[in-house]
Amino acid sequence: MTLRNKVILFGHTGKEVEITQFNKGMKASVSLATNDYYTNTQGEKVEETQWHQLIAFGKLAEIFEKYVSKGKEIAIEGKLTYREYEDKEGMRRFITEIRVEEVLMIK
């Protein structure tokens, strides 16, 4: 069995898709909210929201641009990626993103 870097998420987009044009194509970026529920030690049901940054390239970016908007419920399959950059003040910043390989529109 080959182990892969694979992420599957179901959630709602938190903002409008941002499109970046490059010489060889385009990139779509959007945040995705997923919710989890658990019962705390006081017996209360708690909802916990996690935010994930999604990126898609090429044809998938075009699909995101055309069909995905704020609040859209989607399911994605992709892989976890990490990158770093230096901001304007010279500080190193780290970003965790999910590079989308498949998308399914739920609603």
C-alpha atoms as a PDB file:
ATOM      1  CA  MET A   1       0.000   0.000   0.000  1.00  0.00           C
ATOM      2  CA  THR A   2       1.330   3.426  -0.949  1.00  0.00           C
ATOM      3  CA  LEU A   3       0.753   6.154   1.614  1.00  0.00           C
ATOM      4  CA  ARG A   4      -0.382   9.497   0.225  1.00  0.00           C
ATOM      5  CA  ASN A   5      -0.889  12.986   1.493  1.00  0.00           C
ATOM      6  CA  LYS A   6      -4.686  13.193   1.202  1.00  0.00           C
ATOM      7  CA  VAL A   7      -7.269  15.536   2.719  1.00  0.00           C
ATOM      8  CA  ILE A   8     -11.064  15.275   2.336  1.00  0.00           C
ATOM      9  CA  LEU A   9     -13.219  18.111   3.674  1.00  0.00           C
ATOM     10  CA  PHE A  10     -16.894  19.092   3.590  1.00  0.00           C
ATOM     11  CA  GLY A  11     -17.773  22.656   4.492  1.00  0.00           C
ATOM     12  CA  HIS A  12     -18.913  26.144   3.527  1.00  0.00           C
ATOM     13  CA  THR A  13     -16.767  28.772   1.856  1.00  0.00           C
ATOM     14  CA  GLY A  14     -16.131  31.801   4.042  1.00  0.00           C
ATOM     15  CA  LYS A  15     -15.491  34.454   1.419  1.00  0.00           C
ATOM     16  CA  GLU A  16     -15.556  35.088  -2.308  1.00  0.00           C
ATOM     17  CA  VAL A  17     -12.941  33.263  -4.381  1.00  0.00           C
ATOM     18  CA  GLU A  18      -9.783  35.287  -5.052  1.00  0.00           C
ATOM     19  CA  ILE A  19      -8.261  34.771  -8.499  1.00  0.00           C
ATOM     20  CA  THR A  20      -4.602  35.356  -9.329  1.00  0.00           C
ATOM     21  CA  GLN A  21      -3.489  35.326 -12.967  1.00  0.00           C
ATOM     22  CA  PHE A  22      -0.081  33.955 -13.948  1.00  0.00           C
ATOM     23  CA  ASN A  23       1.715  33.633 -17.281  1.00  0.00           C
ATOM     24  CA  LYS A  24       0.808  29.952 -17.458  1.00  0.00           C
ATOM     25  CA  GLY A  25      -2.684  30.030 -15.947  1.00  0.00           C
ATOM     26  CA  MET A  26      -4.579  31.006 -12.850  1.00  0.00           C
ATOM     27  CA  LYS A  27      -4.857  30.258  -9.145  1.00  0.00           C
ATOM     28  CA  ALA A  28      -8.034  30.352  -7.040  1.00  0.00           C
ATOM     29  CA  SER A  29      -7.890  30.886  -3.265  1.00  0.00           C
ATOM     30  CA  VAL A  30     -10.758  30.609  -0.802  1.00  0.00           C
ATOM     31  CA  SER A  31     -11.314  29.750   2.872  1.00  0.00           C
ATOM     32  CA  LEU A  32     -13.447  26.779   3.928  1.00  0.00           C
ATOM     33  CA  ALA A  33     -15.151  26.370   7.304  1.00  0.00           C
ATOM     34  CA  THR A  34     -15.698  22.912   8.756  1.00  0.00           C
ATOM     35  CA  ASN A  35     -17.642  22.242  11.944  1.00  0.00           C
ATOM     36  CA  ASP A  36     -17.149  19.600  14.597  1.00  0.00           C
ATOM     37  CA  TYR A  37     -19.345  18.945  17.619  1.00  0.00           C
ATOM     38  CA  TYR A  38     -18.481  17.502  21.003  1.00  0.00           C
ATOM     39  CA  THR A  39     -19.837  17.426  24.551  1.00  0.00           C
ATOM     40  CA  ASN A  40     -17.731  19.269  27.122  1.00  0.00           C
ATOM     41  CA  THR A  41     -17.178  18.217  30.746  1.00  0.00           C
ATOM     42  CA  GLN A  42     -20.299  20.180  31.809  1.00  0.00           C
ATOM     43  CA  GLY A  43     -22.411  18.071  29.430  1.00  0.00           C
ATOM     44  CA  GLU A  44     -22.975  20.938  27.002  1.00  0.00           C
ATOM     45  CA  LYS A  45     -22.882  20.408  23.241  1.00  0.00           C
ATOM     46  CA  VAL A  46     -20.116  22.571  21.747  1.00  0.00           C
ATOM     47  CA  GLU A  47     -19.656  23.492  18.092  1.00  0.00           C
ATOM     48  CA  GLU A  48     -16.067  24.061  16.988  1.00  0.00           C
ATOM     49  CA  THR A  49     -15.299  25.698  13.642  1.00  0.00           C
ATOM     50  CA  GLN A  50     -11.975  25.194  11.866  1.00  0.00           C
ATOM     51  CA  TRP A  51     -10.897  27.375   8.925  1.00  0.00           C
ATOM     52  CA  HIS A  52      -8.890  25.915   6.049  1.00  0.00           C
ATOM     53  CA  GLN A  53      -7.203  27.764   3.180  1.00  0.00           C
ATOM     54  CA  LEU A  54      -7.833  26.156  -0.208  1.00  0.00           C
ATOM     55  CA  ILE A  55      -5.912  26.736  -3.432  1.00  0.00           C
ATOM     56  CA  ALA A  56      -6.694  25.416  -6.907  1.00  0.00           C
ATOM     57  CA  PHE A  57      -4.869  25.826 -10.202  1.00  0.00           C
ATOM     58  CA  GLY A  58      -5.702  25.649 -13.902  1.00  0.00           C
ATOM     59  CA  LYS A  59      -9.068  24.137 -14.836  1.00  0.00           C
ATOM     60  CA  LEU A  60     -10.058  23.724 -11.182  1.00  0.00           C
ATOM     61  CA  ALA A  61      -9.354  27.420 -10.590  1.00  0.00           C
ATOM     62  CA  GLU A  62     -11.702  28.225 -13.474  1.00  0.00           C
ATOM     63  CA  ILE A  63     -14.404  26.035 -11.893  1.00  0.00           C
ATOM     64  CA  PHE A  64     -13.954  27.798  -8.559  1.00  0.00           C
ATOM     65  CA  GLU A  65     -14.156  31.204 -10.255  1.00  0.00           C
ATOM     66  CA  LYS A  66     -17.353  30.298 -12.103  1.00  0.00           C
ATOM     67  CA  TYR A  67     -19.307  28.202  -9.573  1.00  0.00           C
ATOM     68  CA  VAL A  68     -18.063  28.894  -6.026  1.00  0.00           C
ATOM     69  CA  SER A  69     -19.158  31.908  -3.993  1.00  0.00           C
ATOM     70  CA  LYS A  70     -19.291  32.874  -0.318  1.00  0.00           C
ATOM     71  CA  GLY A  71     -21.361  30.402   1.727  1.00  0.00           C
ATOM     72  CA  LYS A  72     -21.311  27.675  -0.956  1.00  0.00           C
ATOM     73  CA  GLU A  73     -21.299  24.150   0.461  1.00  0.00           C
ATOM     74  CA  ILE A  74     -18.600  22.042  -1.194  1.00  0.00           C
ATOM     75  CA  ALA A  75     -16.631  18.852  -0.690  1.00  0.00           C
ATOM     76  CA  ILE A  76     -12.985  18.777  -1.697  1.00  0.00           C
ATOM     77  CA  GLU A  77     -10.217  16.251  -1.989  1.00  0.00           C
ATOM     78  CA  GLY A  78      -6.659  17.472  -2.058  1.00  0.00           C
ATOM     79  CA  LYS A  79      -3.305  17.438  -0.335  1.00  0.00           C
ATOM     80  CA  LEU A  80      -1.840  19.385   2.557  1.00  0.00           C
ATOM     81  CA  THR A  81       0.889  21.845   1.573  1.00  0.00           C
ATOM     82  CA  TYR A  82       3.140  24.162   3.537  1.00  0.00           C
ATOM     83  CA  ARG A  83       5.022  27.228   2.376  1.00  0.00           C
ATOM     84  CA  GLU A  84       6.814  30.173   3.869  1.00  0.00           C
ATOM     85  CA  TYR A  85       7.521  33.720   2.791  1.00  0.00           C
ATOM     86  CA  GLU A  86       8.974  36.937   4.123  1.00  0.00           C
ATOM     87  CA  ASP A  87       6.504  39.762   4.783  1.00  0.00           C
ATOM     88  CA  LYS A  88       7.102  43.494   4.232  1.00  0.00           C
ATOM     89  CA  GLU A  89       8.677  43.859   7.689  1.00  0.00           C
ATOM     90  CA  GLY A  90      11.128  41.013   7.025  1.00  0.00           C
ATOM     91  CA  MET A  91       9.325  38.481   9.258  1.00  0.00           C
ATOM     92  CA  ARG A  92       9.139  34.855   8.110  1.00  0.00           C
ATOM     93  CA  ARG A  93       5.528  33.712   7.752  1.00  0.00           C
ATOM     94  CA  PHE A  94       4.281  30.156   7.407  1.00  0.00           C
ATOM     95  CA  ILE A  95       1.123  29.094   5.599  1.00  0.00           C
ATOM     96  CA  THR A  96      -0.715  25.772   5.579  1.00  0.00           C
ATOM     97  CA  GLU A  97      -2.977  25.260   2.567  1.00  0.00           C
ATOM     98  CA  ILE A  98      -4.903  22.471   0.921  1.00  0.00           C
ATOM     99  CA  ARG A  99      -4.194  22.129  -2.789  1.00  0.00           C
ATOM    100  CA  VAL A 100      -7.515  21.012  -4.259  1.00  0.00           C
ATOM    101  CA  GLU A 101      -7.461  18.086  -6.683  1.00  0.00           C
ATOM    102  CA  GLU A 102     -11.234  17.388  -6.828  1.00  0.00           C
ATOM    103  CA  VAL A 103     -14.281  19.484  -5.939  1.00  0.00           C
ATOM    104  CA  LEU A 104     -17.957  18.577  -5.560  1.00  0.00           C
ATOM    105  CA  MET A 105     -20.700  21.204  -5.319  1.00  0.00           C
ATOM    106  CA  ILE A 106     -23.161  20.186  -2.575  1.00  0.00           C
ATOM    107  CA  LYS A 107     -25.738  23.019  -2.718  1.00  0.00           C
END
